[in-house]
Amino acid sequence: MNVLAIETATPACATALRTNEGEELVLVVDDERHHTEALTPGIRDLLVRADITPKAIDRVVVDRGPGLFTGLRVGIATAIGLAQALGIELVGVTSLEMLAGGTFDAGVRGTVVACVDGRRGEIFTQTFALDAAVTAIDHPRVATANSVATTWTSDAGPVTFTGDGVERYLAIFQNVADGVLFTQEVPSLHAALDIGASREADEVLVPLYLREADAVANFTTRQRP
């Protein structure tokens, strides 16, 4: 099965392909939030490198969030468009699942807290147990780096922190005594391919925003005369 994965939840715009023969190609096409301009040419270049046509794709996997609002819309719209145009299956994975999966693939075991930078002084976070497999312990939520770090300082249990939300607030997470940092600024495309290849296809893909867009928040909270 030829599986295409799309990642646009973070400032990086990336795509990956796993072919019928098991070959895996990953291409980070941009890291400056130029998702609209970079994604489609990136997919084209990836398919050229793999020497396959779009009609050869069997399934498309896309990061459905949480993450940057505009980037998510670009990735999800592109994935839906491809699925509909090619008549193929569409699977959504979350950026937090991808981070946890990437940590697991690196050999890390135990408790992992995945953190995506949510801007506005917040992060999107979820906790996973990594043992024989990756298991979610709680649900994705919005938090602050301080509140997450304080929780693990109080619990005094060993934990691994990963994601661009950790990199954004590095000084805070470095102060957790039993905390270990695993650098992973871009959610793992390899994990997305693994999850997407085994998960049932979505009839309706629902974005995981967790929070309204910045433009909406700015409009609804601004002080009116």
C-alpha atoms as a PDB file:
ATOM      1  CA  MET A   1       0.000   0.000   0.000  1.00  0.00           C
ATOM      2  CA  ASN A   2       1.350   3.425  -0.981  1.00  0.00           C
ATOM      3  CA  VAL A   3       0.625   5.780   1.942  1.00  0.00           C
ATOM      4  CA  LEU A   4       1.122   9.554   1.840  1.00  0.00           C
ATOM      5  CA  ALA A   5       1.384  11.539   5.092  1.00  0.00           C
ATOM      6  CA  ILE A   6       0.951  15.296   5.511  1.00  0.00           C
ATOM      7  CA  GLU A   7       2.123  17.383   8.483  1.00  0.00           C
ATOM      8  CA  THR A   8       1.245  21.083   8.780  1.00  0.00           C
ATOM      9  CA  ALA A   9       0.327  21.466  12.468  1.00  0.00           C
ATOM     10  CA  THR A  10       3.643  23.056  13.415  1.00  0.00           C
ATOM     11  CA  PRO A  11       5.716  25.801  11.749  1.00  0.00           C
ATOM     12  CA  ALA A  12       7.284  23.046   9.636  1.00  0.00           C
ATOM     13  CA  CYS A  13       5.497  21.802   6.544  1.00  0.00           C
ATOM     14  CA  ALA A  14       6.411  18.200   5.836  1.00  0.00           C
ATOM     15  CA  THR A  15       5.241  15.206   3.868  1.00  0.00           C
ATOM     16  CA  ALA A  16       6.207  11.545   3.713  1.00  0.00           C
ATOM     17  CA  LEU A  17       5.534   8.486   1.611  1.00  0.00           C
ATOM     18  CA  ARG A  18       5.710   4.760   2.302  1.00  0.00           C
ATOM     19  CA  THR A  19       5.626   2.646  -0.838  1.00  0.00           C
ATOM     20  CA  ASN A  20       4.379  -0.851  -1.560  1.00  0.00           C
ATOM     21  CA  GLU A  21       7.990  -2.035  -1.360  1.00  0.00           C
ATOM     22  CA  GLY A  22       8.423  -0.591   2.139  1.00  0.00           C
ATOM     23  CA  GLU A  23      10.600   2.333   1.044  1.00  0.00           C
ATOM     24  CA  GLU A  24      10.014   5.437   3.166  1.00  0.00           C
ATOM     25  CA  LEU A  25      10.730   8.996   2.070  1.00  0.00           C
ATOM     26  CA  VAL A  26      10.364  12.081   4.281  1.00  0.00           C
ATOM     27  CA  LEU A  27      10.578  15.645   3.007  1.00  0.00           C
ATOM     28  CA  VAL A  28      10.462  18.735   5.229  1.00  0.00           C
ATOM     29  CA  VAL A  29       9.609  21.351   2.621  1.00  0.00           C
ATOM     30  CA  ASP A  30       9.444  24.469   4.784  1.00  0.00           C
ATOM     31  CA  ASP A  31       9.907  25.543   8.395  1.00  0.00           C
ATOM     32  CA  GLU A  32       8.721  29.139   8.211  1.00  0.00           C
ATOM     33  CA  ARG A  33       4.932  28.630   8.231  1.00  0.00           C
ATOM     34  CA  HIS A  34       4.620  28.968   4.432  1.00  0.00           C
ATOM     35  CA  HIS A  35       2.323  25.960   4.294  1.00  0.00           C
ATOM     36  CA  THR A  36       0.044  27.233   1.535  1.00  0.00           C
ATOM     37  CA  GLU A  37       2.911  27.840  -0.876  1.00  0.00           C
ATOM     38  CA  ALA A  38       5.055  24.849   0.079  1.00  0.00           C
ATOM     39  CA  LEU A  39       2.757  21.860   0.581  1.00  0.00           C
ATOM     40  CA  THR A  40       1.545  21.022  -2.933  1.00  0.00           C
ATOM     41  CA  PRO A  41       4.982  21.428  -4.587  1.00  0.00           C
ATOM     42  CA  GLY A  42       6.419  19.355  -1.737  1.00  0.00           C
ATOM     43  CA  ILE A  43       4.006  16.493  -2.397  1.00  0.00           C
ATOM     44  CA  ARG A  44       4.791  16.689  -6.116  1.00  0.00           C
ATOM     45  CA  ASP A  45       8.540  16.539  -5.461  1.00  0.00           C
ATOM     46  CA  LEU A  46       8.098  13.600  -3.084  1.00  0.00           C
ATOM     47  CA  LEU A  47       6.158  11.598  -5.657  1.00  0.00           C
ATOM     48  CA  VAL A  48       8.781  12.377  -8.300  1.00  0.00           C
ATOM     49  CA  ARG A  49      11.518  11.102  -5.979  1.00  0.00           C
ATOM     50  CA  ALA A  50       9.524   7.912  -5.387  1.00  0.00           C
ATOM     51  CA  ASP A  51       8.786   7.605  -9.111  1.00  0.00           C
ATOM     52  CA  ILE A  52       5.056   7.144  -8.620  1.00  0.00           C
ATOM     53  CA  THR A  53       2.034   9.097  -9.820  1.00  0.00           C
ATOM     54  CA  PRO A  54      -0.759  10.484  -7.616  1.00  0.00           C
ATOM     55  CA  LYS A  55      -3.056   7.736  -8.919  1.00  0.00           C
ATOM     56  CA  ALA A  56      -0.764   5.172  -7.262  1.00  0.00           C
ATOM     57  CA  ILE A  57      -1.502   6.517  -3.771  1.00  0.00           C
ATOM     58  CA  ASP A  58      -3.806   4.202  -1.806  1.00  0.00           C
ATOM     59  CA  ARG A  59      -4.286   6.220   1.370  1.00  0.00           C
ATOM     60  CA  VAL A  60      -3.553   9.713   2.653  1.00  0.00           C
ATOM     61  CA  VAL A  61      -2.813  10.419   6.325  1.00  0.00           C
ATOM     62  CA  VAL A  62      -2.967  13.931   7.758  1.00  0.00           C
ATOM     63  CA  ASP A  63      -2.195  15.576  11.083  1.00  0.00           C
ATOM     64  CA  ARG A  64      -5.571  16.863  12.261  1.00  0.00           C
ATOM     65  CA  GLY A  65      -4.185  18.857  15.184  1.00  0.00           C
ATOM     66  CA  PRO A  66      -3.845  20.343  17.622  1.00  0.00           C
ATOM     67  CA  GLY A  67      -1.512  22.982  16.268  1.00  0.00           C
ATOM     68  CA  LEU A  68      -1.393  26.175  14.258  1.00  0.00           C
ATOM     69  CA  PHE A  69      -4.869  26.993  12.994  1.00  0.00           C
ATOM     70  CA  THR A  70      -3.970  28.151   9.477  1.00  0.00           C
ATOM     71  CA  GLY A  71      -1.466  25.362   8.908  1.00  0.00           C
ATOM     72  CA  LEU A  72      -3.976  22.721   9.970  1.00  0.00           C
ATOM     73  CA  ARG A  73      -6.582  24.042   7.561  1.00  0.00           C
ATOM     74  CA  VAL A  74      -4.095  23.897   4.676  1.00  0.00           C
ATOM     75  CA  GLY A  75      -3.038  20.331   5.431  1.00  0.00           C
ATOM     76  CA  ILE A  76      -6.537  19.011   6.056  1.00  0.00           C
ATOM     77  CA  ALA A  77      -8.003  20.727   2.976  1.00  0.00           C
ATOM     78  CA  THR A  78      -5.220  19.317   0.812  1.00  0.00           C
ATOM     79  CA  ALA A  79      -5.664  15.809   2.221  1.00  0.00           C
ATOM     80  CA  ILE A  80      -9.438  15.889   1.723  1.00  0.00           C
ATOM     81  CA  GLY A  81      -8.991  17.197  -1.809  1.00  0.00           C
ATOM     82  CA  LEU A  82      -6.565  14.407  -2.671  1.00  0.00           C
ATOM     83  CA  ALA A  83      -8.774  11.727  -1.132  1.00  0.00           C
ATOM     84  CA  GLN A  84     -11.843  12.899  -3.001  1.00  0.00           C
ATOM     85  CA  ALA A  85     -10.073  13.439  -6.313  1.00  0.00           C
ATOM     86  CA  LEU A  86      -8.318  10.065  -6.238  1.00  0.00           C
ATOM     87  CA  GLY A  87     -11.103   8.109  -4.543  1.00  0.00           C
ATOM     88  CA  ILE A  88      -8.797   6.896  -1.778  1.00  0.00           C
ATOM     89  CA  GLU A  89      -9.039   6.484   1.989  1.00  0.00           C
ATOM     90  CA  LEU A  90      -8.331   9.333   4.394  1.00  0.00           C
ATOM     91  CA  VAL A  91      -7.027   8.905   7.953  1.00  0.00           C
ATOM     92  CA  GLY A  92      -6.530  11.574  10.603  1.00  0.00           C
ATOM     93  CA  VAL A  93      -3.882  11.350  13.325  1.00  0.00           C
ATOM     94  CA  THR A  94      -3.082  13.912  15.997  1.00  0.00           C
ATOM     95  CA  SER A  95       0.167  15.814  16.362  1.00  0.00           C
ATOM     96  CA  LEU A  96       0.413  14.557  19.953  1.00  0.00           C
ATOM     97  CA  GLU A  97       0.063  10.915  18.843  1.00  0.00           C
ATOM     98  CA  MET A  98       2.792  11.522  16.275  1.00  0.00           C
ATOM     99  CA  LEU A  99       5.125  12.965  18.909  1.00  0.00           C
ATOM    100  CA  ALA A 100       4.474  10.039  21.236  1.00  0.00           C
ATOM    101  CA  GLY A 101       5.013   7.592  18.395  1.00  0.00           C
ATOM    102  CA  GLY A 102       8.269   9.256  17.405  1.00  0.00           C
ATOM    103  CA  THR A 103       9.492   9.021  20.985  1.00  0.00           C
ATOM    104  CA  PHE A 104       8.530   5.336  21.132  1.00  0.00           C
ATOM    105  CA  ASP A 105      10.347   4.616  17.860  1.00  0.00           C
ATOM    106  CA  ALA A 106      13.500   6.195  19.343  1.00  0.00           C
ATOM    107  CA  GLY A 107      13.463   3.567  22.105  1.00  0.00           C
ATOM    108  CA  VAL A 108      12.131   5.750  24.919  1.00  0.00           C
ATOM    109  CA  ARG A 109       9.869   3.966  27.408  1.00  0.00           C
ATOM    110  CA  GLY A 110       7.856   5.122  30.416  1.00  0.00           C
ATOM    111  CA  THR A 111       5.699   8.218  30.711  1.00  0.00           C
ATOM    112  CA  VAL A 112       5.875  10.780  27.923  1.00  0.00           C
ATOM    113  CA  VAL A 113       4.278  14.218  27.841  1.00  0.00           C
ATOM    114  CA  ALA A 114       3.875  15.504  24.283  1.00  0.00           C
ATOM    115  CA  CYS A 115       3.654  19.281  23.921  1.00  0.00           C
ATOM    116  CA  VAL A 116       2.821  21.344  20.835  1.00  0.00           C
ATOM    117  CA  ASP A 117       3.381  25.096  20.947  1.00  0.00           C
ATOM    118  CA  GLY A 118      -0.039  26.740  20.965  1.00  0.00           C
ATOM    119  CA  ARG A 119       1.238  30.342  21.029  1.00  0.00           C
ATOM    120  CA  ARG A 120      -0.511  32.889  23.325  1.00  0.00           C
ATOM    121  CA  GLY A 121       1.681  31.530  26.159  1.00  0.00           C
ATOM    122  CA  GLU A 122      -0.028  28.122  25.973  1.00  0.00           C
ATOM    123  CA  ILE A 123       0.731  24.592  24.840  1.00  0.00           C
ATOM    124  CA  PHE A 124      -1.383  21.692  23.621  1.00  0.00           C
ATOM    125  CA  THR A 125      -0.448  18.627  25.624  1.00  0.00           C
ATOM    126  CA  GLN A 126      -1.261  14.968  26.251  1.00  0.00           C
ATOM    127  CA  THR A 127       0.333  12.237  28.356  1.00  0.00           C
ATOM    128  CA  PHE A 128       1.159   8.758  27.053  1.00  0.00           C
ATOM    129  CA  ALA A 129       2.481   5.523  28.518  1.00  0.00           C
ATOM    130  CA  LEU A 130       5.160   3.914  26.352  1.00  0.00           C
ATOM    131  CA  ASP A 131       5.590   0.215  27.060  1.00  0.00           C
ATOM    132  CA  ALA A 132       4.888  -2.557  24.567  1.00  0.00           C
ATOM    133  CA  ALA A 133       2.868   0.034  22.667  1.00  0.00           C
ATOM    134  CA  VAL A 134       1.827   3.690  22.887  1.00  0.00           C
ATOM    135  CA  THR A 135      -1.205   4.252  25.124  1.00  0.00           C
ATOM    136  CA  ALA A 136      -2.885   7.576  25.823  1.00  0.00           C
ATOM    137  CA  ILE A 137      -3.266   8.252  29.558  1.00  0.00           C
ATOM    138  CA  ASP A 138      -5.373  11.393  29.260  1.00  0.00           C
ATOM    139  CA  HIS A 139      -7.004  13.578  26.612  1.00  0.00           C
ATOM    140  CA  PRO A 140      -5.476  16.431  24.593  1.00  0.00           C
ATOM    141  CA  ARG A 141      -5.845  19.740  26.423  1.00  0.00           C
ATOM    142  CA  VAL A 142      -4.689  23.341  26.527  1.00  0.00           C
ATOM    143  CA  ALA A 143      -2.302  24.227  29.363  1.00  0.00           C
ATOM    144  CA  THR A 144       0.665  26.397  30.245  1.00  0.00           C
ATOM    145  CA  ALA A 145       4.219  25.125  30.416  1.00  0.00           C
ATOM    146  CA  ASN A 146       4.380  26.161  34.059  1.00  0.00           C
ATOM    147  CA  SER A 147       1.287  24.173  35.021  1.00  0.00           C
ATOM    148  CA  VAL A 148       2.526  21.027  33.260  1.00  0.00           C
ATOM    149  CA  ALA A 149       6.002  21.313  34.768  1.00  0.00           C
ATOM    150  CA  THR A 150       4.557  21.942  38.225  1.00  0.00           C
ATOM    151  CA  THR A 151       2.420  18.807  37.985  1.00  0.00           C
ATOM    152  CA  TRP A 152       5.444  16.644  37.325  1.00  0.00           C
ATOM    153  CA  THR A 153       7.569  18.387  39.901  1.00  0.00           C
ATOM    154  CA  SER A 154       4.871  17.656  42.482  1.00  0.00           C
ATOM    155  CA  ASP A 155       4.426  14.039  41.399  1.00  0.00           C
ATOM    156  CA  ALA A 156       8.197  13.518  41.410  1.00  0.00           C
ATOM    157  CA  GLY A 157       7.898  10.709  38.889  1.00  0.00           C
ATOM    158  CA  PRO A 158      10.213  10.115  35.930  1.00  0.00           C
ATOM    159  CA  VAL A 159       8.871  11.645  32.732  1.00  0.00           C
ATOM    160  CA  THR A 160      10.014  12.507  29.220  1.00  0.00           C
ATOM    161  CA  PHE A 161       8.931  15.774  27.610  1.00  0.00           C
ATOM    162  CA  THR A 162       8.894  16.168  23.829  1.00  0.00           C
ATOM    163  CA  GLY A 163       7.626  18.486  21.102  1.00  0.00           C
ATOM    164  CA  ASP A 164       8.088  22.057  19.924  1.00  0.00           C
ATOM    165  CA  GLY A 165       6.105  23.231  22.957  1.00  0.00           C
ATOM    166  CA  VAL A 166       8.947  21.913  25.104  1.00  0.00           C
ATOM    167  CA  GLU A 167      11.546  23.664  22.948  1.00  0.00           C
ATOM    168  CA  ARG A 168       9.592  26.923  23.240  1.00  0.00           C
ATOM    169  CA  TYR A 169       9.625  26.781  27.054  1.00  0.00           C
ATOM    170  CA  LEU A 170      12.876  24.897  27.485  1.00  0.00           C
ATOM    171  CA  ALA A 171      13.980  26.719  30.632  1.00  0.00           C
ATOM    172  CA  ILE A 172      10.771  25.689  32.403  1.00  0.00           C
ATOM    173  CA  PHE A 173      10.891  22.008  31.481  1.00  0.00           C
ATOM    174  CA  GLN A 174      14.606  21.750  32.243  1.00  0.00           C
ATOM    175  CA  ASN A 175      13.800  22.519  35.886  1.00  0.00           C
ATOM    176  CA  VAL A 176      11.747  19.328  36.383  1.00  0.00           C
ATOM    177  CA  ALA A 177      14.055  17.163  38.519  1.00  0.00           C
ATOM    178  CA  ASP A 178      12.977  13.780  37.128  1.00  0.00           C
ATOM    179  CA  GLY A 179      12.275  15.108  33.666  1.00  0.00           C
ATOM    180  CA  VAL A 180      14.164  14.140  30.503  1.00  0.00           C
ATOM    181  CA  LEU A 181      13.924  16.150  27.291  1.00  0.00           C
ATOM    182  CA  PHE A 182      13.642  14.372  23.946  1.00  0.00           C
ATOM    183  CA  THR A 183      14.135  16.816  21.081  1.00  0.00           C
ATOM    184  CA  GLN A 184      11.486  16.430  18.398  1.00  0.00           C
ATOM    185  CA  GLU A 185      10.370  19.745  16.984  1.00  0.00           C
ATOM    186  CA  VAL A 186       8.437  18.203  14.087  1.00  0.00           C
ATOM    187  CA  PRO A 187       5.859  15.476  14.837  1.00  0.00           C
ATOM    188  CA  SER A 188       7.107  12.143  13.510  1.00  0.00           C
ATOM    189  CA  LEU A 189       6.052  11.406   9.936  1.00  0.00           C
ATOM    190  CA  HIS A 190       7.192   7.810  10.433  1.00  0.00           C
ATOM    191  CA  ALA A 191       4.714   7.493  13.310  1.00  0.00           C
ATOM    192  CA  ALA A 192       1.986   9.066  11.156  1.00  0.00           C
ATOM    193  CA  LEU A 193       2.603   6.460   8.453  1.00  0.00           C
ATOM    194  CA  ASP A 194       2.508   3.634  11.011  1.00  0.00           C
ATOM    195  CA  ILE A 195      -0.704   4.842  12.626  1.00  0.00           C
ATOM    196  CA  GLY A 196      -2.337   5.773   9.355  1.00  0.00           C
ATOM    197  CA  ALA A 197      -1.595   2.438   7.716  1.00  0.00           C
ATOM    198  CA  SER A 198      -3.248   0.451  10.506  1.00  0.00           C
ATOM    199  CA  ARG A 199      -6.114   2.710  11.589  1.00  0.00           C
ATOM    200  CA  GLU A 200      -9.562   2.550  10.026  1.00  0.00           C
ATOM    201  CA  ALA A 201     -10.280   5.276   7.514  1.00  0.00           C
ATOM    202  CA  ASP A 202     -12.331   8.287   8.591  1.00  0.00           C
ATOM    203  CA  GLU A 203     -15.715   8.856   7.001  1.00  0.00           C
ATOM    204  CA  VAL A 204     -15.590  12.443   8.240  1.00  0.00           C
ATOM    205  CA  LEU A 205     -12.315  14.056   9.265  1.00  0.00           C
ATOM    206  CA  VAL A 206     -12.740  16.342  12.285  1.00  0.00           C
ATOM    207  CA  PRO A 207      -9.933  18.839  13.031  1.00  0.00           C
ATOM    208  CA  LEU A 208      -8.719  18.917  16.630  1.00  0.00           C
ATOM    209  CA  TYR A 209      -8.398  22.638  17.272  1.00  0.00           C
ATOM    210  CA  LEU A 210      -8.914  22.652  21.103  1.00  0.00           C
ATOM    211  CA  ARG A 211      -9.162  26.436  20.896  1.00  0.00           C
ATOM    212  CA  GLU A 212     -10.659  29.044  18.598  1.00  0.00           C
ATOM    213  CA  ALA A 213      -8.492  30.734  15.998  1.00  0.00           C
ATOM    214  CA  ASP A 214      -6.344  33.699  17.043  1.00  0.00           C
ATOM    215  CA  ALA A 215      -8.283  36.034  14.752  1.00  0.00           C
ATOM    216  CA  VAL A 216     -11.586  35.060  16.375  1.00  0.00           C
ATOM    217  CA  ALA A 217     -10.163  35.375  19.878  1.00  0.00           C
ATOM    218  CA  ASN A 218      -8.657  38.766  19.130  1.00  0.00           C
ATOM    219  CA  PHE A 219     -11.954  40.012  17.733  1.00  0.00           C
ATOM    220  CA  THR A 220     -14.166  38.687  20.539  1.00  0.00           C
ATOM    221  CA  THR A 221     -11.920  39.813  23.388  1.00  0.00           C
ATOM    222  CA  ARG A 222     -10.844  43.225  22.168  1.00  0.00           C
ATOM    223  CA  GLN A 223     -12.178  46.182  24.083  1.00  0.00           C
ATOM    224  CA  ARG A 224     -14.849  48.093  22.218  1.00  0.00           C
ATOM    225  CA  PRO A 225     -15.444  51.838  22.671  1.00  0.00           C
END
